[in-house]
Amino acid sequence: MRIRNTDFDFAKTTYVMGILNVTPDSFSDGGLHNSTEDAVRHALEMEAEGAAIIDIGGESTRPGYTGVSEDEELSRVIPVIKALRNETDIPISVDTTKAAVADAAVAAGADIINTVSGLSISTGMLSVAKESGSVLVMTYENSYVNQFGEALIGMAETAVEAGISADRIIVDPGIGFGKTRDENLRIVNELPLITQIGYPVLLGCSRKSFIRDVLGVEAKDALDGTLVTTVLAALAGVGIVRVHDVKENVRVVKMLSAVVNSAV
């Protein structure tokens, strides 16, 4: 899959997507990158650490979050996207549920629309993705179901039926969205099956509550648990891991790749 000026081979490589929250209330890093200058600086740091994609979000999707208006979200993300695009050619993703925000983000220089409302995706969002030719990441935001891989395929086919090319779709099983701790763990365990569905898979486990619950730690201390999920994801053939701690995740993927390739 070609995204902007970068070729991604999701069948052979697991890429790291760096999270850039420009929100005051995200569960892990809310308020740390509120100014455009701080946000761009952090994004460039993540790129230097090995991030292949920067994912920018202006509305928290943590459990119990308070939604923001379209204008507020636009005011948070668009200046950052424009400023970052002036500094680098790295693929940029916008994390939003609003079609108008996605449309403005693409116009400002974003290449990927990442929506957590994959099952309930709006016709407006589908239209923006189709007309712009952007890559669309669709998140399965409901509870785990049997034949989960088939459920992910069904979600993706909604976009295909709307006219979006199948080779521009990435699916996210939605760790932490509408799922219990055990359901999240089951999905991670089933990644080798999930990655066989014919669409690239994005996994977002970084610092999430199921890790914190298993380890009995706060978000700031959940890196080691996150790294375990990244290793499992890479072994299973997941195409993208979405993380806060880019350097450490890039390193474990690089080390794992060296070990696996040594046997070839």
Protein backbone atom coordinates (compact mmCIF):
# COMPACT_ATOMS: atom_id res chain seq x y z
CA MET A 1 0.00 0.00 0.00
CA ARG A 2 1.39 3.39 -0.97
CA ILE A 3 0.62 6.17 1.49
CA ARG A 4 1.81 9.58 0.43
CA ASN A 5 5.35 8.90 -0.83
CA THR A 6 5.99 5.78 1.24
CA ASP A 7 5.43 2.16 0.23
CA PHE A 8 4.17 -0.03 3.07
CA ASP A 9 4.53 -3.81 2.89
CA PHE A 10 2.18 -4.87 5.66
CA ALA A 11 2.60 -8.54 4.77
CA LYS A 12 6.28 -8.44 5.74
CA THR A 13 6.72 -5.56 8.16
CA THR A 14 5.05 -4.21 11.28
CA TYR A 15 5.14 -0.41 11.26
CA VAL A 16 4.88 1.87 14.29
CA MET A 17 2.29 4.65 14.34
CA GLY A 18 3.04 7.38 16.85
CA ILE A 19 0.12 8.81 18.83
CA LEU A 20 -0.15 12.60 19.00
CA ASN A 21 -3.06 13.67 21.19
CA VAL A 22 -3.78 17.40 21.04
CA THR A 23 -6.40 17.14 23.76
CA PRO A 24 -6.54 18.17 27.42
CA ASP A 25 -8.16 14.93 28.61
CA SER A 26 -6.71 11.86 26.91
CA PHE A 27 -6.20 9.11 29.49
CA SER A 28 -2.43 8.86 29.07
CA ASP A 29 -1.01 12.11 27.70
CA GLY A 30 -3.82 14.66 27.77
CA GLY A 31 -2.60 18.25 27.90
CA LEU A 32 1.04 17.48 27.11
CA HIS A 33 0.98 18.70 23.51
CA ASN A 34 -1.73 21.34 23.44
CA SER A 35 0.21 24.07 21.62
CA THR A 36 0.96 23.68 17.93
CA GLU A 37 4.68 24.14 18.54
CA ASP A 38 4.80 21.45 21.25
CA ALA A 39 2.71 19.07 19.15
CA VAL A 40 4.90 19.43 16.07
CA ARG A 41 8.05 19.07 18.16
CA HIS A 42 6.78 15.83 19.66
CA ALA A 43 5.72 14.50 16.24
CA LEU A 44 9.17 15.15 14.82
CA GLU A 45 10.71 13.44 17.83
CA MET A 46 8.57 10.38 17.17
CA GLU A 47 9.58 10.40 13.51
CA ALA A 48 13.24 10.53 14.53
CA GLU A 49 12.63 7.58 16.84
CA GLY A 50 11.32 5.52 13.93
CA ALA A 51 7.59 6.21 13.66
CA ALA A 52 6.33 5.49 10.13
CA ILE A 53 3.03 7.36 10.63
CA ILE A 54 1.87 10.12 12.96
CA ASP A 55 -1.74 9.83 14.18
CA ILE A 56 -3.21 13.16 15.31
CA GLY A 57 -6.36 13.30 17.43
CA GLY A 58 -8.26 16.29 18.79
CA GLU A 59 -10.97 14.49 20.77
CA SER A 60 -10.38 11.94 23.49
CA THR A 61 -11.99 8.53 23.02
CA ARG A 62 -11.20 7.26 26.52
CA PRO A 63 -14.08 5.60 28.41
CA GLY A 64 -16.48 8.25 29.68
CA TYR A 65 -14.97 10.99 27.55
CA THR A 66 -16.81 14.24 26.89
CA GLY A 67 -17.22 15.00 23.20
CA VAL A 68 -16.15 18.30 21.69
CA SER A 69 -17.76 20.42 19.02
CA GLU A 70 -16.73 20.21 15.40
CA ASP A 71 -15.26 23.73 15.56
CA GLU A 72 -13.23 22.90 18.68
CA GLU A 73 -11.82 19.75 17.15
CA LEU A 74 -10.93 21.59 13.95
CA SER A 75 -9.15 24.29 15.91
CA ARG A 76 -7.06 21.65 17.67
CA VAL A 77 -5.97 19.44 14.79
CA ILE A 78 -5.85 21.50 11.59
CA PRO A 79 -3.08 23.93 12.67
CA VAL A 80 -0.98 20.97 13.82
CA ILE A 81 -1.46 19.05 10.58
CA LYS A 82 -0.57 22.10 8.49
CA ALA A 83 2.50 22.91 10.56
CA LEU A 84 3.70 19.30 10.62
CA ARG A 85 3.20 18.92 6.89
CA ASN A 86 5.47 21.92 6.37
CA GLU A 87 8.20 20.12 8.32
CA THR A 88 8.05 16.55 7.04
CA ASP A 89 6.67 14.25 4.36
CA ILE A 90 5.78 11.49 6.84
CA PRO A 91 2.27 10.05 6.36
CA ILE A 92 -0.20 11.77 8.69
CA SER A 93 -3.35 10.16 10.08
CA VAL A 94 -6.28 12.06 11.58
CA ASP A 95 -8.13 10.31 14.40
CA THR A 96 -11.73 11.56 14.23
CA THR A 97 -15.36 10.50 14.04
CA LYS A 98 -16.48 13.67 12.25
CA ALA A 99 -16.64 13.82 8.46
CA ALA A 100 -16.05 17.58 8.37
CA VAL A 101 -12.89 17.21 10.44
CA ALA A 102 -11.65 14.40 8.21
CA ASP A 103 -12.33 16.48 5.11
CA ALA A 104 -10.48 19.51 6.48
CA ALA A 105 -7.61 17.34 7.70
CA VAL A 106 -7.11 15.77 4.29
CA ALA A 107 -7.14 19.22 2.71
CA ALA A 108 -4.51 20.31 5.25
CA GLY A 109 -2.19 17.41 4.40
CA ALA A 110 -3.42 14.26 6.16
CA ASP A 111 -3.25 10.97 4.26
CA ILE A 112 -5.18 8.58 6.50
CA ILE A 113 -8.61 8.83 8.11
CA ASN A 114 -8.66 6.82 11.34
CA THR A 115 -12.15 6.52 12.78
CA VAL A 116 -13.17 4.66 15.92
CA SER A 117 -16.73 4.48 14.59
CA GLY A 118 -16.07 1.75 12.06
CA LEU A 119 -19.30 -0.16 12.49
CA SER A 120 -21.40 3.00 12.70
CA ILE A 121 -19.40 4.98 10.14
CA SER A 122 -21.39 7.81 8.59
CA THR A 123 -22.13 8.18 4.89
CA GLY A 124 -20.36 11.52 5.12
CA MET A 125 -17.15 9.93 6.35
CA LEU A 126 -17.33 7.27 3.65
CA SER A 127 -17.81 10.00 1.07
CA VAL A 128 -14.77 11.93 2.29
CA ALA A 129 -12.62 8.79 2.14
CA LYS A 130 -13.87 7.89 -1.32
CA GLU A 131 -13.50 11.34 -2.86
CA SER A 132 -10.09 12.03 -1.31
CA GLY A 133 -8.61 8.61 -2.00
CA SER A 134 -7.32 8.55 1.58
CA VAL A 135 -6.53 5.36 3.41
CA LEU A 136 -9.40 4.51 5.78
CA VAL A 137 -8.82 2.81 9.14
CA MET A 138 -12.05 1.32 10.47
CA THR A 139 -12.30 0.36 14.15
CA TYR A 140 -14.63 -2.37 15.40
CA GLU A 141 -16.05 -0.49 18.39
CA ASN A 142 -18.47 -3.13 19.75
CA SER A 143 -17.98 -6.18 21.96
CA TYR A 144 -16.22 -9.32 20.83
CA VAL A 145 -18.27 -11.76 18.76
CA ASN A 146 -17.60 -15.30 17.60
CA GLN A 147 -16.11 -15.48 14.11
CA PHE A 148 -14.48 -12.13 14.84
CA GLY A 149 -12.47 -12.13 11.64
CA GLU A 150 -15.64 -12.40 9.60
CA ALA A 151 -17.11 -9.50 11.57
CA LEU A 152 -14.11 -7.36 10.63
CA ILE A 153 -14.52 -8.32 6.98
CA GLY A 154 -18.19 -7.34 7.13
CA MET A 155 -17.24 -3.93 8.55
CA ALA A 156 -14.72 -3.36 5.77
CA GLU A 157 -17.19 -4.43 3.10
CA THR A 158 -19.43 -1.54 4.16
CA ALA A 159 -16.73 0.78 2.86
CA VAL A 160 -16.16 -1.26 -0.29
CA GLU A 161 -19.88 -1.11 -1.06
CA ALA A 162 -19.66 2.68 -0.69
CA GLY A 163 -17.07 2.80 -3.45
CA ILE A 164 -13.83 2.79 -1.47
CA SER A 165 -11.12 0.63 -2.95
CA ALA A 166 -10.45 -2.46 -0.83
CA ASP A 167 -6.72 -1.81 -1.06
CA ARG A 168 -7.19 1.51 0.79
CA ILE A 169 -8.83 -0.06 3.86
CA ILE A 170 -7.18 -1.05 7.15
CA VAL A 171 -9.13 -2.70 9.99
CA ASP A 172 -8.64 -2.20 13.72
CA PRO A 173 -10.18 -4.81 16.06
CA GLY A 174 -10.86 -2.04 18.57
CA ILE A 175 -8.99 -3.03 21.70
CA GLY A 176 -10.59 -1.14 24.59
CA PHE A 177 -13.71 -0.13 22.72
CA GLY A 178 -16.88 -1.78 24.05
CA LYS A 179 -14.96 -4.84 25.20
CA THR A 180 -14.20 -6.45 28.55
CA ARG A 181 -10.69 -7.16 29.74
CA ASP A 182 -11.06 -10.83 28.80
CA GLU A 183 -12.38 -9.94 25.35
CA ASN A 184 -9.37 -7.71 24.75
CA LEU A 185 -7.02 -10.48 25.83
CA ARG A 186 -8.84 -12.96 23.60
CA ILE A 187 -8.44 -10.67 20.58
CA VAL A 188 -4.70 -10.36 21.18
CA ASN A 189 -4.52 -14.14 21.46
CA GLU A 190 -6.40 -14.56 18.19
CA LEU A 191 -4.26 -12.13 16.17
CA PRO A 192 -2.72 -14.93 14.05
CA LEU A 193 -6.25 -15.71 12.79
CA ILE A 194 -7.38 -12.10 12.52
CA THR A 195 -4.46 -11.14 10.28
CA GLN A 196 -5.58 -13.72 7.70
CA ILE A 197 -8.75 -11.84 6.72
CA GLY A 198 -7.29 -10.13 3.67
CA TYR A 199 -7.08 -6.58 5.04
CA PRO A 200 -4.11 -5.03 6.84
CA VAL A 201 -4.64 -4.88 10.60
CA LEU A 202 -3.87 -1.99 12.95
CA LEU A 203 -3.62 -2.76 16.66
CA GLY A 204 -3.89 -0.11 19.38
CA CYS A 205 -3.06 -1.56 22.80
CA SER A 206 -0.72 1.13 24.10
CA ARG A 207 -1.16 1.76 27.86
CA LYS A 208 -4.80 0.64 27.69
CA SER A 209 -6.86 -0.41 30.69
CA PHE A 210 -6.71 -4.17 30.10
CA ILE A 211 -2.91 -4.00 30.38
CA ARG A 212 -3.09 -1.76 33.44
CA ASP A 213 -5.65 -4.10 35.00
CA VAL A 214 -3.58 -7.25 34.42
CA LEU A 215 -0.40 -5.63 35.77
CA GLY A 216 -2.02 -3.47 38.44
CA VAL A 217 -0.28 -0.31 37.25
CA GLU A 218 -1.06 3.22 36.10
CA ALA A 219 -0.82 4.27 32.45
CA LYS A 220 2.69 5.68 32.87
CA ASP A 221 3.92 2.25 34.02
CA ALA A 222 2.26 0.16 31.30
CA LEU A 223 5.09 0.21 28.77
CA ASP A 224 6.31 -3.32 29.43
CA GLY A 225 2.81 -4.73 29.01
CA THR A 226 2.41 -2.74 25.81
CA LEU A 227 5.67 -4.13 24.45
CA VAL A 228 4.41 -7.69 24.99
CA THR A 229 1.37 -6.93 22.83
CA THR A 230 3.61 -5.36 20.18
CA VAL A 231 5.77 -8.48 19.99
CA LEU A 232 2.69 -10.69 19.72
CA ALA A 233 1.26 -8.39 17.05
CA ALA A 234 4.45 -8.49 14.99
CA LEU A 235 4.68 -12.27 15.26
CA ALA A 236 1.06 -12.52 14.08
CA GLY A 237 1.58 -10.29 11.06
CA VAL A 238 -0.16 -7.13 12.26
CA GLY A 239 0.69 -4.29 9.87
CA ILE A 240 0.63 -1.33 12.25
CA VAL A 241 0.88 -0.89 16.00
CA ARG A 242 -0.40 2.44 17.34
CA VAL A 243 1.65 3.48 20.38
CA HIS A 244 2.66 6.32 22.69
CA ASP A 245 6.24 5.12 23.29
CA VAL A 246 7.68 5.02 19.79
CA LYS A 247 11.37 4.42 20.47
CA GLU A 248 10.85 1.36 22.65
CA ASN A 249 8.27 -0.21 20.34
CA VAL A 250 10.43 0.37 17.26
CA ARG A 251 13.31 -1.34 19.03
CA VAL A 252 11.38 -4.46 19.99
CA VAL A 253 10.01 -4.81 16.44
CA LYS A 254 13.53 -4.38 15.03
CA MET A 255 14.99 -6.96 17.40
CA LEU A 256 12.19 -9.42 16.73
CA SER A 257 12.65 -9.00 12.99
CA ALA A 258 16.39 -9.70 13.30
CA VAL A 259 15.72 -12.92 15.21
CA VAL A 260 12.99 -14.14 12.86
CA ASN A 261 14.95 -13.30 9.70
CA SER A 262 18.07 -15.05 11.00
CA ALA A 263 16.30 -18.37 10.46
CA VAL A 264 15.57 -17.70 6.78
